[in-house]
């Protein structure tokens, strides 16, 4: 029997649970959250799913000890994540773990957790998912590529890592320069108490001359678009309506309309879990890859904010 733990079952964690109910193998799933209302939401959502294998779900408020888990999904917030995962790995045997981003609010935790993963020999992945969605993973392009994102809804930090990871996946290049000069240095409070977001423009140049920019303003919450173009590709994604217009040199620049290009987490997790448990390749970044990407983007943002008088106190990255 496969042993799975979901650590944190708020909105996202409960969607992971719904997907794992459709796993193509027998499994024991333990769902842990310290907040009883979150556990009730998780139970309700799990009961909406028809399972096709023997899936046993238990719910608890505390992390267990002296257990073996084939797969852990950590869906807690970034402020709690380090201590929760540290306690989990120090007191249990964990073979694989999937973590949400932003990973941690304190910079020191990034390298400390990497050390802990090496000590426990745990395989870790980070849930940056655009490359796991068939439409986005199947795109190919010549370089240089221009990749422009406009988003007025979810927040620049939250959204940017998904898009930047996909940008690097398409270009197969590395970051040369991160330009924060057009960001608004004032932190914007989010719906989650104690967490913040940024507005303005974040720009990135790659070694192969590809260019990325993301514009964000909460005043323009109707726009959510991605535009990618090169000598071989022109793709416009309307995220709000979940469709894309694609033109490629291979298809003589003819219009191709693609529907449902974004895949919900409740459909993704079971596919990811099955691949990980079967030792098959996936397109999620490893923890080590995501660590480098996080710090490559967050360090220049931190430097820019501090230079412009933004006091972040003990938490360098108050994002989630």
C-alpha atoms as a PDB file:
ATOM      1  CA  UNK A   1       0.000   0.000   0.000  1.00  0.00           C
ATOM      2  CA  UNK A   2       1.376   3.419  -0.981  1.00  0.00           C
ATOM      3  CA  UNK A   3       1.718   5.829   1.958  1.00  0.00           C
ATOM      4  CA  UNK A   4       0.980   9.494   1.220  1.00  0.00           C
ATOM      5  CA  UNK A   5       0.882  12.576   3.462  1.00  0.00           C
ATOM      6  CA  UNK A   6      -0.701  15.938   2.627  1.00  0.00           C
ATOM      7  CA  UNK A   7       0.638  18.622   4.945  1.00  0.00           C
ATOM      8  CA  UNK A   8      -1.735  21.592   4.887  1.00  0.00           C
ATOM      9  CA  UNK A   9      -5.214  21.201   3.413  1.00  0.00           C
ATOM     10  CA  UNK A  10      -6.520  24.682   2.753  1.00  0.00           C
ATOM     11  CA  UNK A  11      -7.831  25.521  -0.695  1.00  0.00           C
ATOM     12  CA  UNK A  12      -4.810  24.187  -2.593  1.00  0.00           C
ATOM     13  CA  UNK A  13      -4.141  21.224  -0.311  1.00  0.00           C
ATOM     14  CA  UNK A  14      -7.732  20.025  -0.628  1.00  0.00           C
ATOM     15  CA  UNK A  15      -7.392  20.168  -4.433  1.00  0.00           C
ATOM     16  CA  UNK A  16      -4.291  17.981  -4.168  1.00  0.00           C
ATOM     17  CA  UNK A  17      -6.389  15.566  -2.119  1.00  0.00           C
ATOM     18  CA  UNK A  18      -9.171  15.491  -4.706  1.00  0.00           C
ATOM     19  CA  UNK A  19      -6.668  14.564  -7.375  1.00  0.00           C
ATOM     20  CA  UNK A  20      -4.992  11.887  -5.261  1.00  0.00           C
ATOM     21  CA  UNK A  21      -8.398  10.262  -4.754  1.00  0.00           C
ATOM     22  CA  UNK A  22      -8.103   9.407  -8.459  1.00  0.00           C
ATOM     23  CA  UNK A  23      -4.653   7.835  -8.124  1.00  0.00           C
ATOM     24  CA  UNK A  24      -4.239   4.656 -10.177  1.00  0.00           C
ATOM     25  CA  UNK A  25      -3.011   2.582  -7.219  1.00  0.00           C
ATOM     26  CA  UNK A  26      -4.094   1.638  -3.709  1.00  0.00           C
ATOM     27  CA  UNK A  27      -3.037   4.208  -1.123  1.00  0.00           C
ATOM     28  CA  UNK A  28      -3.315   5.335   2.476  1.00  0.00           C
ATOM     29  CA  UNK A  29      -3.575   9.139   2.562  1.00  0.00           C
ATOM     30  CA  UNK A  30      -3.013  11.047   5.787  1.00  0.00           C
ATOM     31  CA  UNK A  31      -4.185  14.678   5.730  1.00  0.00           C
ATOM     32  CA  UNK A  32      -2.686  16.937   8.427  1.00  0.00           C
ATOM     33  CA  UNK A  33      -3.799  20.469   9.261  1.00  0.00           C
ATOM     34  CA  UNK A  34      -3.911  22.245  12.627  1.00  0.00           C
ATOM     35  CA  UNK A  35      -7.118  24.089  11.692  1.00  0.00           C
ATOM     36  CA  UNK A  36     -10.305  21.951  12.013  1.00  0.00           C
ATOM     37  CA  UNK A  37     -12.250  24.032   9.421  1.00  0.00           C
ATOM     38  CA  UNK A  38      -9.599  23.196   6.801  1.00  0.00           C
ATOM     39  CA  UNK A  39      -9.951  19.493   7.556  1.00  0.00           C
ATOM     40  CA  UNK A  40     -13.718  19.763   7.133  1.00  0.00           C
ATOM     41  CA  UNK A  41     -13.306  21.398   3.721  1.00  0.00           C
ATOM     42  CA  UNK A  42     -10.870  18.647   2.726  1.00  0.00           C
ATOM     43  CA  UNK A  43     -13.322  15.926   3.808  1.00  0.00           C
ATOM     44  CA  UNK A  44     -16.133  17.532   1.849  1.00  0.00           C
ATOM     45  CA  UNK A  45     -14.052  17.837  -1.320  1.00  0.00           C
ATOM     46  CA  UNK A  46     -12.692  14.299  -1.029  1.00  0.00           C
ATOM     47  CA  UNK A  47     -16.244  12.968  -0.739  1.00  0.00           C
ATOM     48  CA  UNK A  48     -17.065  14.602  -4.093  1.00  0.00           C
ATOM     49  CA  UNK A  49     -14.622  12.300  -5.917  1.00  0.00           C
ATOM     50  CA  UNK A  50     -15.334   8.760  -7.030  1.00  0.00           C
ATOM     51  CA  UNK A  51     -12.290   6.560  -6.445  1.00  0.00           C
ATOM     52  CA  UNK A  52     -11.338   3.620  -8.662  1.00  0.00           C
ATOM     53  CA  UNK A  53      -8.809   2.004  -6.327  1.00  0.00           C
ATOM     54  CA  UNK A  54      -8.580   1.308  -2.625  1.00  0.00           C
ATOM     55  CA  UNK A  55      -7.998   4.771  -1.171  1.00  0.00           C
ATOM     56  CA  UNK A  56      -8.095   5.177   2.618  1.00  0.00           C
ATOM     57  CA  UNK A  57      -8.067   8.748   3.979  1.00  0.00           C
ATOM     58  CA  UNK A  58      -7.372   9.739   7.582  1.00  0.00           C
ATOM     59  CA  UNK A  59      -7.290  13.229   9.058  1.00  0.00           C
ATOM     60  CA  UNK A  60      -5.148  14.612  11.900  1.00  0.00           C
ATOM     61  CA  UNK A  61      -4.018  17.874  13.505  1.00  0.00           C
ATOM     62  CA  UNK A  62      -0.370  16.933  14.110  1.00  0.00           C
ATOM     63  CA  UNK A  63       2.530  15.584  12.088  1.00  0.00           C
ATOM     64  CA  UNK A  64       3.120  11.918  12.957  1.00  0.00           C
ATOM     65  CA  UNK A  65       6.460  10.434  14.011  1.00  0.00           C
ATOM     66  CA  UNK A  66       8.370   7.291  13.039  1.00  0.00           C
ATOM     67  CA  UNK A  67       6.408   6.748   9.842  1.00  0.00           C
ATOM     68  CA  UNK A  68       7.429   5.991   6.258  1.00  0.00           C
ATOM     69  CA  UNK A  69       5.886   8.063   3.461  1.00  0.00           C
ATOM     70  CA  UNK A  70       6.374   7.309  -0.211  1.00  0.00           C
ATOM     71  CA  UNK A  71       5.146  10.798  -1.090  1.00  0.00           C
ATOM     72  CA  UNK A  72       4.491  13.982   0.860  1.00  0.00           C
ATOM     73  CA  UNK A  73       2.758  17.047  -0.553  1.00  0.00           C
ATOM     74  CA  UNK A  74       3.417  20.191   1.451  1.00  0.00           C
ATOM     75  CA  UNK A  75       0.722  22.796   0.811  1.00  0.00           C
ATOM     76  CA  UNK A  76       1.279  24.951   3.888  1.00  0.00           C
ATOM     77  CA  UNK A  77       2.073  28.654   3.592  1.00  0.00           C
ATOM     78  CA  UNK A  78       5.631  29.871   3.151  1.00  0.00           C
ATOM     79  CA  UNK A  79       6.031  31.175   6.706  1.00  0.00           C
ATOM     80  CA  UNK A  80       5.239  27.795   8.288  1.00  0.00           C
ATOM     81  CA  UNK A  81       6.811  25.593   5.636  1.00  0.00           C
ATOM     82  CA  UNK A  82      10.405  25.338   6.875  1.00  0.00           C
ATOM     83  CA  UNK A  83       9.607  24.311  10.456  1.00  0.00           C
ATOM     84  CA  UNK A  84       6.858  21.906   9.365  1.00  0.00           C
ATOM     85  CA  UNK A  85       9.035  20.192   6.765  1.00  0.00           C
ATOM     86  CA  UNK A  86      12.038  20.152   9.083  1.00  0.00           C
ATOM     87  CA  UNK A  87       9.992  18.411  11.786  1.00  0.00           C
ATOM     88  CA  UNK A  88       8.573  16.008   9.228  1.00  0.00           C
ATOM     89  CA  UNK A  89      11.952  14.940   7.820  1.00  0.00           C
ATOM     90  CA  UNK A  90      13.694  14.723  11.196  1.00  0.00           C
ATOM     91  CA  UNK A  91      11.017  12.437  12.635  1.00  0.00           C
ATOM     92  CA  UNK A  92       9.961  10.334   9.652  1.00  0.00           C
ATOM     93  CA  UNK A  93      11.309   8.602   6.568  1.00  0.00           C
ATOM     94  CA  UNK A  94      10.209  10.481   3.464  1.00  0.00           C
ATOM     95  CA  UNK A  95      11.094   9.230   0.018  1.00  0.00           C
ATOM     96  CA  UNK A  96       9.618  12.040  -2.113  1.00  0.00           C
ATOM     97  CA  UNK A  97       8.180  15.465  -1.364  1.00  0.00           C
ATOM     98  CA  UNK A  98       6.402  18.078  -3.517  1.00  0.00           C
ATOM     99  CA  UNK A  99       6.505  21.620  -2.127  1.00  0.00           C
ATOM    100  CA  UNK A 100       4.631  24.776  -3.032  1.00  0.00           C
ATOM    101  CA  UNK A 101       6.238  28.059  -3.862  1.00  0.00           C
ATOM    102  CA  UNK A 102       7.151  30.654  -2.691  1.00  0.00           C
ATOM    103  CA  UNK A 103       9.283  28.212  -0.731  1.00  0.00           C
ATOM    104  CA  UNK A 104      10.238  30.148   2.415  1.00  0.00           C
ATOM    105  CA  UNK A 105      10.040  33.674   3.802  1.00  0.00           C
ATOM    106  CA  UNK A 106      13.588  33.630   5.236  1.00  0.00           C
ATOM    107  CA  UNK A 107      16.584  33.412   2.925  1.00  0.00           C
ATOM    108  CA  UNK A 108      18.649  31.249   5.282  1.00  0.00           C
ATOM    109  CA  UNK A 109      16.024  28.507   5.128  1.00  0.00           C
ATOM    110  CA  UNK A 110      16.679  27.850   1.438  1.00  0.00           C
ATOM    111  CA  UNK A 111      20.179  26.440   1.964  1.00  0.00           C
ATOM    112  CA  UNK A 112      19.361  24.929   5.366  1.00  0.00           C
ATOM    113  CA  UNK A 113      16.553  22.881   3.885  1.00  0.00           C
ATOM    114  CA  UNK A 114      18.732  21.777   0.981  1.00  0.00           C
ATOM    115  CA  UNK A 115      21.218  20.412   3.537  1.00  0.00           C
ATOM    116  CA  UNK A 116      18.415  18.562   5.314  1.00  0.00           C
ATOM    117  CA  UNK A 117      17.240  17.001   2.038  1.00  0.00           C
ATOM    118  CA  UNK A 118      20.757  15.742   1.362  1.00  0.00           C
ATOM    119  CA  UNK A 119      21.056  14.305   4.869  1.00  0.00           C
ATOM    120  CA  UNK A 120      17.730  12.450   4.641  1.00  0.00           C
ATOM    121  CA  UNK A 121      18.184  11.459   0.968  1.00  0.00           C
ATOM    122  CA  UNK A 122      14.720  12.798   0.157  1.00  0.00           C
ATOM    123  CA  UNK A 123      13.782  13.569  -3.454  1.00  0.00           C
ATOM    124  CA  UNK A 124      12.158  17.000  -3.586  1.00  0.00           C
ATOM    125  CA  UNK A 125      10.226  18.827  -6.299  1.00  0.00           C
ATOM    126  CA  UNK A 126       8.545  22.239  -6.383  1.00  0.00           C
ATOM    127  CA  UNK A 127       5.043  22.685  -7.755  1.00  0.00           C
ATOM    128  CA  UNK A 128       5.778  25.158 -10.561  1.00  0.00           C
ATOM    129  CA  UNK A 129       3.366  23.664 -13.023  1.00  0.00           C
ATOM    130  CA  UNK A 130       3.186  25.384 -16.436  1.00  0.00           C
ATOM    131  CA  UNK A 131       5.713  22.950 -17.879  1.00  0.00           C
ATOM    132  CA  UNK A 132       3.571  20.063 -16.635  1.00  0.00           C
ATOM    133  CA  UNK A 133       0.554  21.200 -18.689  1.00  0.00           C
ATOM    134  CA  UNK A 134       0.549  19.588 -22.164  1.00  0.00           C
ATOM    135  CA  UNK A 135      -0.107  22.753 -24.188  1.00  0.00           C
ATOM    136  CA  UNK A 136       2.764  24.652 -22.583  1.00  0.00           C
ATOM    137  CA  UNK A 137       5.210  21.742 -22.424  1.00  0.00           C
ATOM    138  CA  UNK A 138       4.681  20.917 -26.115  1.00  0.00           C
ATOM    139  CA  UNK A 139       5.580  24.402 -27.353  1.00  0.00           C
ATOM    140  CA  UNK A 140       8.936  24.717 -29.100  1.00  0.00           C
ATOM    141  CA  UNK A 141      10.735  27.799 -30.320  1.00  0.00           C
ATOM    142  CA  UNK A 142      13.917  29.178 -31.778  1.00  0.00           C
ATOM    143  CA  UNK A 143      15.790  31.766 -29.757  1.00  0.00           C
ATOM    144  CA  UNK A 144      15.757  34.603 -29.020  1.00  0.00           C
ATOM    145  CA  UNK A 145      12.246  34.480 -27.575  1.00  0.00           C
ATOM    146  CA  UNK A 146      10.211  37.383 -26.204  1.00  0.00           C
ATOM    147  CA  UNK A 147       7.871  36.375 -23.384  1.00  0.00           C
ATOM    148  CA  UNK A 148       5.451  39.021 -22.040  1.00  0.00           C
ATOM    149  CA  UNK A 149       2.998  38.479 -19.183  1.00  0.00           C
ATOM    150  CA  UNK A 150       0.250  40.849 -18.054  1.00  0.00           C
ATOM    151  CA  UNK A 151      -1.569  39.897 -14.863  1.00  0.00           C
ATOM    152  CA  UNK A 152      -3.847  42.026 -12.720  1.00  0.00           C
ATOM    153  CA  UNK A 153      -5.159  39.314 -10.455  1.00  0.00           C
ATOM    154  CA  UNK A 154      -2.811  36.937  -8.664  1.00  0.00           C
ATOM    155  CA  UNK A 155       0.199  39.072  -7.805  1.00  0.00           C
ATOM    156  CA  UNK A 156       3.570  39.541  -9.483  1.00  0.00           C
ATOM    157  CA  UNK A 157       5.683  37.355  -7.197  1.00  0.00           C
ATOM    158  CA  UNK A 158       3.152  34.522  -7.057  1.00  0.00           C
ATOM    159  CA  UNK A 159       2.674  34.422 -10.817  1.00  0.00           C
ATOM    160  CA  UNK A 160       6.159  35.251 -12.065  1.00  0.00           C
ATOM    161  CA  UNK A 161       7.978  32.074 -10.986  1.00  0.00           C
ATOM    162  CA  UNK A 162       5.580  29.902 -13.013  1.00  0.00           C
ATOM    163  CA  UNK A 163       6.117  32.012 -16.127  1.00  0.00           C
ATOM    164  CA  UNK A 164       9.889  32.445 -15.687  1.00  0.00           C
ATOM    165  CA  UNK A 165      10.394  28.706 -15.243  1.00  0.00           C
ATOM    166  CA  UNK A 166       8.427  28.078 -18.460  1.00  0.00           C
ATOM    167  CA  UNK A 167      10.423  30.809 -20.216  1.00  0.00           C
ATOM    168  CA  UNK A 168      13.699  29.122 -19.239  1.00  0.00           C
ATOM    169  CA  UNK A 169      12.298  25.719 -20.248  1.00  0.00           C
ATOM    170  CA  UNK A 170      11.508  27.018 -23.760  1.00  0.00           C
ATOM    171  CA  UNK A 171      14.747  28.923 -24.309  1.00  0.00           C
ATOM    172  CA  UNK A 172      17.142  26.452 -22.637  1.00  0.00           C
ATOM    173  CA  UNK A 173      19.253  29.419 -21.600  1.00  0.00           C
ATOM    174  CA  UNK A 174      20.300  31.042 -18.318  1.00  0.00           C
ATOM    175  CA  UNK A 175      19.567  34.367 -16.661  1.00  0.00           C
ATOM    176  CA  UNK A 176      21.978  37.192 -17.482  1.00  0.00           C
ATOM    177  CA  UNK A 177      20.221  40.144 -15.825  1.00  0.00           C
ATOM    178  CA  UNK A 178      17.171  40.783 -13.621  1.00  0.00           C
ATOM    179  CA  UNK A 179      15.831  44.352 -13.889  1.00  0.00           C
ATOM    180  CA  UNK A 180      13.698  45.518 -10.948  1.00  0.00           C
ATOM    181  CA  UNK A 181      13.916  49.246 -11.700  1.00  0.00           C
ATOM    182  CA  UNK A 182      10.275  49.501 -12.821  1.00  0.00           C
ATOM    183  CA  UNK A 183       8.834  47.712  -9.802  1.00  0.00           C
ATOM    184  CA  UNK A 184       6.843  49.726  -7.291  1.00  0.00           C
ATOM    185  CA  UNK A 185       8.934  49.423  -4.084  1.00  0.00           C
ATOM    186  CA  UNK A 186       5.829  49.638  -1.891  1.00  0.00           C
ATOM    187  CA  UNK A 187       4.600  46.284  -0.558  1.00  0.00           C
ATOM    188  CA  UNK A 188       0.911  45.599  -1.140  1.00  0.00           C
ATOM    189  CA  UNK A 189      -0.932  43.591   1.572  1.00  0.00           C
ATOM    190  CA  UNK A 190      -2.663  40.445   0.271  1.00  0.00           C
ATOM    191  CA  UNK A 191      -5.772  38.609   1.429  1.00  0.00           C
ATOM    192  CA  UNK A 192      -3.511  36.375   3.527  1.00  0.00           C
ATOM    193  CA  UNK A 193      -2.632  38.264   6.708  1.00  0.00           C
ATOM    194  CA  UNK A 194       1.061  39.077   6.990  1.00  0.00           C
ATOM    195  CA  UNK A 195       1.870  38.450   3.330  1.00  0.00           C
ATOM    196  CA  UNK A 196       2.537  40.975   0.589  1.00  0.00           C
ATOM    197  CA  UNK A 197       2.790  41.382  -3.164  1.00  0.00           C
ATOM    198  CA  UNK A 198       4.444  43.768  -5.597  1.00  0.00           C
ATOM    199  CA  UNK A 199       3.204  45.715  -8.600  1.00  0.00           C
ATOM    200  CA  UNK A 200       4.984  47.157 -11.617  1.00  0.00           C
ATOM    201  CA  UNK A 201       7.261  45.491 -14.143  1.00  0.00           C
ATOM    202  CA  UNK A 202       9.875  42.765 -13.682  1.00  0.00           C
ATOM    203  CA  UNK A 203      12.230  42.207 -16.641  1.00  0.00           C
ATOM    204  CA  UNK A 204      14.779  39.485 -17.355  1.00  0.00           C
ATOM    205  CA  UNK A 205      17.459  39.116 -20.029  1.00  0.00           C
ATOM    206  CA  UNK A 206      18.982  35.741 -20.882  1.00  0.00           C
ATOM    207  CA  UNK A 207      22.416  34.819 -22.166  1.00  0.00           C
ATOM    208  CA  UNK A 208      20.932  33.959 -25.586  1.00  0.00           C
ATOM    209  CA  UNK A 209      19.272  37.429 -25.799  1.00  0.00           C
ATOM    210  CA  UNK A 210      15.787  36.180 -25.010  1.00  0.00           C
ATOM    211  CA  UNK A 211      13.696  38.659 -23.030  1.00  0.00           C
ATOM    212  CA  UNK A 212      10.992  38.283 -20.367  1.00  0.00           C
ATOM    213  CA  UNK A 213       8.783  40.896 -18.780  1.00  0.00           C
ATOM    214  CA  UNK A 214       5.819  40.766 -16.463  1.00  0.00           C
ATOM    215  CA  UNK A 215       3.522  43.701 -15.794  1.00  0.00           C
ATOM    216  CA  UNK A 216       1.201  43.683 -12.821  1.00  0.00           C
ATOM    217  CA  UNK A 217      -1.333  46.141 -11.461  1.00  0.00           C
ATOM    218  CA  UNK A 218      -4.226  45.270  -9.163  1.00  0.00           C
ATOM    219  CA  UNK A 219      -6.092  48.175 -10.787  1.00  0.00           C
ATOM    220  CA  UNK A 220      -6.192  46.180 -14.038  1.00  0.00           C
ATOM    221  CA  UNK A 221      -7.650  42.936 -12.704  1.00  0.00           C
ATOM    222  CA  UNK A 222      -9.394  42.049 -15.979  1.00  0.00           C
ATOM    223  CA  UNK A 223      -6.187  41.226 -17.879  1.00  0.00           C
ATOM    224  CA  UNK A 224      -4.369  37.907 -17.645  1.00  0.00           C
ATOM    225  CA  UNK A 225      -2.390  37.257 -20.799  1.00  0.00           C
ATOM    226  CA  UNK A 226       0.851  35.661 -21.981  1.00  0.00           C
ATOM    227  CA  UNK A 227       2.374  36.597 -25.338  1.00  0.00           C
ATOM    228  CA  UNK A 228       5.350  34.592 -26.645  1.00  0.00           C
ATOM    229  CA  UNK A 229       6.989  35.301 -29.987  1.00  0.00           C
ATOM    230  CA  UNK A 230      10.144  34.445 -31.921  1.00  0.00           C
ATOM    231  CA  UNK A 231      11.170  33.689 -35.506  1.00  0.00           C
ATOM    232  CA  UNK A 232       9.351  30.352 -35.253  1.00  0.00           C
ATOM    233  CA  UNK A 233       6.460  31.005 -32.862  1.00  0.00           C
ATOM    234  CA  UNK A 234       3.710  33.485 -32.077  1.00  0.00           C
ATOM    235  CA  UNK A 235       1.460  32.458 -29.213  1.00  0.00           C
ATOM    236  CA  UNK A 236      -1.111  34.591 -27.405  1.00  0.00           C
ATOM    237  CA  UNK A 237      -2.673  33.039 -24.291  1.00  0.00           C
ATOM    238  CA  UNK A 238      -5.891  34.452 -22.852  1.00  0.00           C
ATOM    239  CA  UNK A 239      -5.672  33.045 -19.334  1.00  0.00           C
ATOM    240  CA  UNK A 240      -9.000  34.430 -18.177  1.00  0.00           C
ATOM    241  CA  UNK A 241     -10.833  32.483 -20.896  1.00  0.00           C
ATOM    242  CA  UNK A 242      -8.388  29.551 -20.818  1.00  0.00           C
ATOM    243  CA  UNK A 243      -7.564  29.536 -24.515  1.00  0.00           C
ATOM    244  CA  UNK A 244      -4.685  30.344 -26.837  1.00  0.00           C
ATOM    245  CA  UNK A 245      -4.051  31.467 -30.405  1.00  0.00           C
ATOM    246  CA  UNK A 246      -0.936  29.735 -31.750  1.00  0.00           C
ATOM    247  CA  UNK A 247       0.943  30.347 -34.998  1.00  0.00           C
ATOM    248  CA  UNK A 248       4.131  28.468 -35.893  1.00  0.00           C
ATOM    249  CA  UNK A 249       6.538  28.408 -38.797  1.00  0.00           C
ATOM    250  CA  UNK A 250       6.039  24.622 -39.003  1.00  0.00           C
ATOM    251  CA  UNK A 251       2.338  25.214 -39.763  1.00  0.00           C
ATOM    252  CA  UNK A 252       2.967  28.078 -42.209  1.00  0.00           C
ATOM    253  CA  UNK A 253       1.800  30.626 -39.605  1.00  0.00           C
ATOM    254  CA  UNK A 254      -1.793  29.430 -39.788  1.00  0.00           C
ATOM    255  CA  UNK A 255      -4.087  30.232 -36.855  1.00  0.00           C
ATOM    256  CA  UNK A 256      -4.547  27.388 -34.362  1.00  0.00           C
ATOM    257  CA  UNK A 257      -7.101  27.847 -31.584  1.00  0.00           C
ATOM    258  CA  UNK A 258      -6.446  25.823 -28.429  1.00  0.00           C
ATOM    259  CA  UNK A 259      -9.018  25.525 -25.635  1.00  0.00           C
ATOM    260  CA  UNK A 260      -8.495  24.579 -21.963  1.00  0.00           C
ATOM    261  CA  UNK A 261      -4.750  25.204 -22.064  1.00  0.00           C
ATOM    262  CA  UNK A 262      -4.518  25.532 -18.267  1.00  0.00           C
ATOM    263  CA  UNK A 263      -5.074  22.373 -16.212  1.00  0.00           C
ATOM    264  CA  UNK A 264      -6.521  22.506 -12.688  1.00  0.00           C
ATOM    265  CA  UNK A 265      -4.451  21.230  -9.768  1.00  0.00           C
ATOM    266  CA  UNK A 266      -7.204  18.689  -9.044  1.00  0.00           C
ATOM    267  CA  UNK A 267      -6.340  17.082 -12.375  1.00  0.00           C
ATOM    268  CA  UNK A 268      -2.554  17.440 -12.227  1.00  0.00           C
ATOM    269  CA  UNK A 269      -1.521  15.988  -8.872  1.00  0.00           C
ATOM    270  CA  UNK A 270      -2.502  12.367  -9.487  1.00  0.00           C
ATOM    271  CA  UNK A 271      -0.540  12.350 -12.751  1.00  0.00           C
ATOM    272  CA  UNK A 272       2.521  13.854 -11.058  1.00  0.00           C
ATOM    273  CA  UNK A 273       2.260  11.486  -8.106  1.00  0.00           C
ATOM    274  CA  UNK A 274       1.967   8.416 -10.328  1.00  0.00           C
ATOM    275  CA  UNK A 275       5.052   9.440 -12.308  1.00  0.00           C
ATOM    276  CA  UNK A 276       7.113  10.129  -9.174  1.00  0.00           C
ATOM    277  CA  UNK A 277       6.046   6.878  -7.500  1.00  0.00           C
ATOM    278  CA  UNK A 278       6.907   4.931 -10.659  1.00  0.00           C
ATOM    279  CA  UNK A 279      10.324   6.669 -11.006  1.00  0.00           C
ATOM    280  CA  UNK A 280       9.260   8.258 -14.278  1.00  0.00           C
ATOM    281  CA  UNK A 281      10.503  11.673 -15.422  1.00  0.00           C
ATOM    282  CA  UNK A 282       8.426  14.784 -14.696  1.00  0.00           C
ATOM    283  CA  UNK A 283       8.848  18.405 -15.726  1.00  0.00           C
ATOM    284  CA  UNK A 284       8.546  19.935 -12.282  1.00  0.00           C
ATOM    285  CA  UNK A 285      11.813  21.529 -11.137  1.00  0.00           C
ATOM    286  CA  UNK A 286      13.739  19.712  -8.443  1.00  0.00           C
ATOM    287  CA  UNK A 287      14.201  21.543  -5.161  1.00  0.00           C
ATOM    288  CA  UNK A 288      17.787  22.352  -6.128  1.00  0.00           C
ATOM    289  CA  UNK A 289      16.668  23.836  -9.472  1.00  0.00           C
ATOM    290  CA  UNK A 290      13.856  25.801  -7.833  1.00  0.00           C
ATOM    291  CA  UNK A 291      16.194  27.070  -5.096  1.00  0.00           C
ATOM    292  CA  UNK A 292      18.465  28.611  -7.728  1.00  0.00           C
ATOM    293  CA  UNK A 293      15.495  30.116  -9.584  1.00  0.00           C
ATOM    294  CA  UNK A 294      13.931  31.537  -6.404  1.00  0.00           C
ATOM    295  CA  UNK A 295      17.139  33.232  -5.264  1.00  0.00           C
ATOM    296  CA  UNK A 296      18.071  34.390  -8.766  1.00  0.00           C
ATOM    297  CA  UNK A 297      14.795  36.352  -8.821  1.00  0.00           C
ATOM    298  CA  UNK A 298      14.189  37.157  -5.158  1.00  0.00           C
ATOM    299  CA  UNK A 299      17.694  38.393  -4.279  1.00  0.00           C
ATOM    300  CA  UNK A 300      17.649  41.284  -6.802  1.00  0.00           C
ATOM    301  CA  UNK A 301      14.108  42.154  -5.698  1.00  0.00           C
ATOM    302  CA  UNK A 302      15.247  42.217  -2.055  1.00  0.00           C
ATOM    303  CA  UNK A 303      18.219  44.433  -2.923  1.00  0.00           C
ATOM    304  CA  UNK A 304      15.953  46.803  -4.880  1.00  0.00           C
ATOM    305  CA  UNK A 305      13.387  47.046  -2.081  1.00  0.00           C
ATOM    306  CA  UNK A 306      16.035  47.728   0.574  1.00  0.00           C
ATOM    307  CA  UNK A 307      17.696  50.335  -1.648  1.00  0.00           C
ATOM    308  CA  UNK A 308      14.357  52.114  -1.949  1.00  0.00           C
ATOM    309  CA  UNK A 309      13.685  52.233   1.783  1.00  0.00           C
ATOM    310  CA  UNK A 310      11.438  49.180   2.207  1.00  0.00           C
ATOM    311  CA  UNK A 311      12.101  47.638   5.638  1.00  0.00           C
ATOM    312  CA  UNK A 312      11.482  43.884   5.502  1.00  0.00           C
ATOM    313  CA  UNK A 313      12.594  43.228   9.122  1.00  0.00           C
ATOM    314  CA  UNK A 314      13.406  39.560   9.853  1.00  0.00           C
ATOM    315  CA  UNK A 315      11.705  38.094   6.783  1.00  0.00           C
ATOM    316  CA  UNK A 316      13.431  38.870   3.526  1.00  0.00           C
ATOM    317  CA  UNK A 317      10.694  37.341   1.365  1.00  0.00           C
ATOM    318  CA  UNK A 318       7.234  38.016   2.889  1.00  0.00           C
ATOM    319  CA  UNK A 319       5.469  36.361  -0.043  1.00  0.00           C
ATOM    320  CA  UNK A 320       3.513  33.129  -0.453  1.00  0.00           C
END
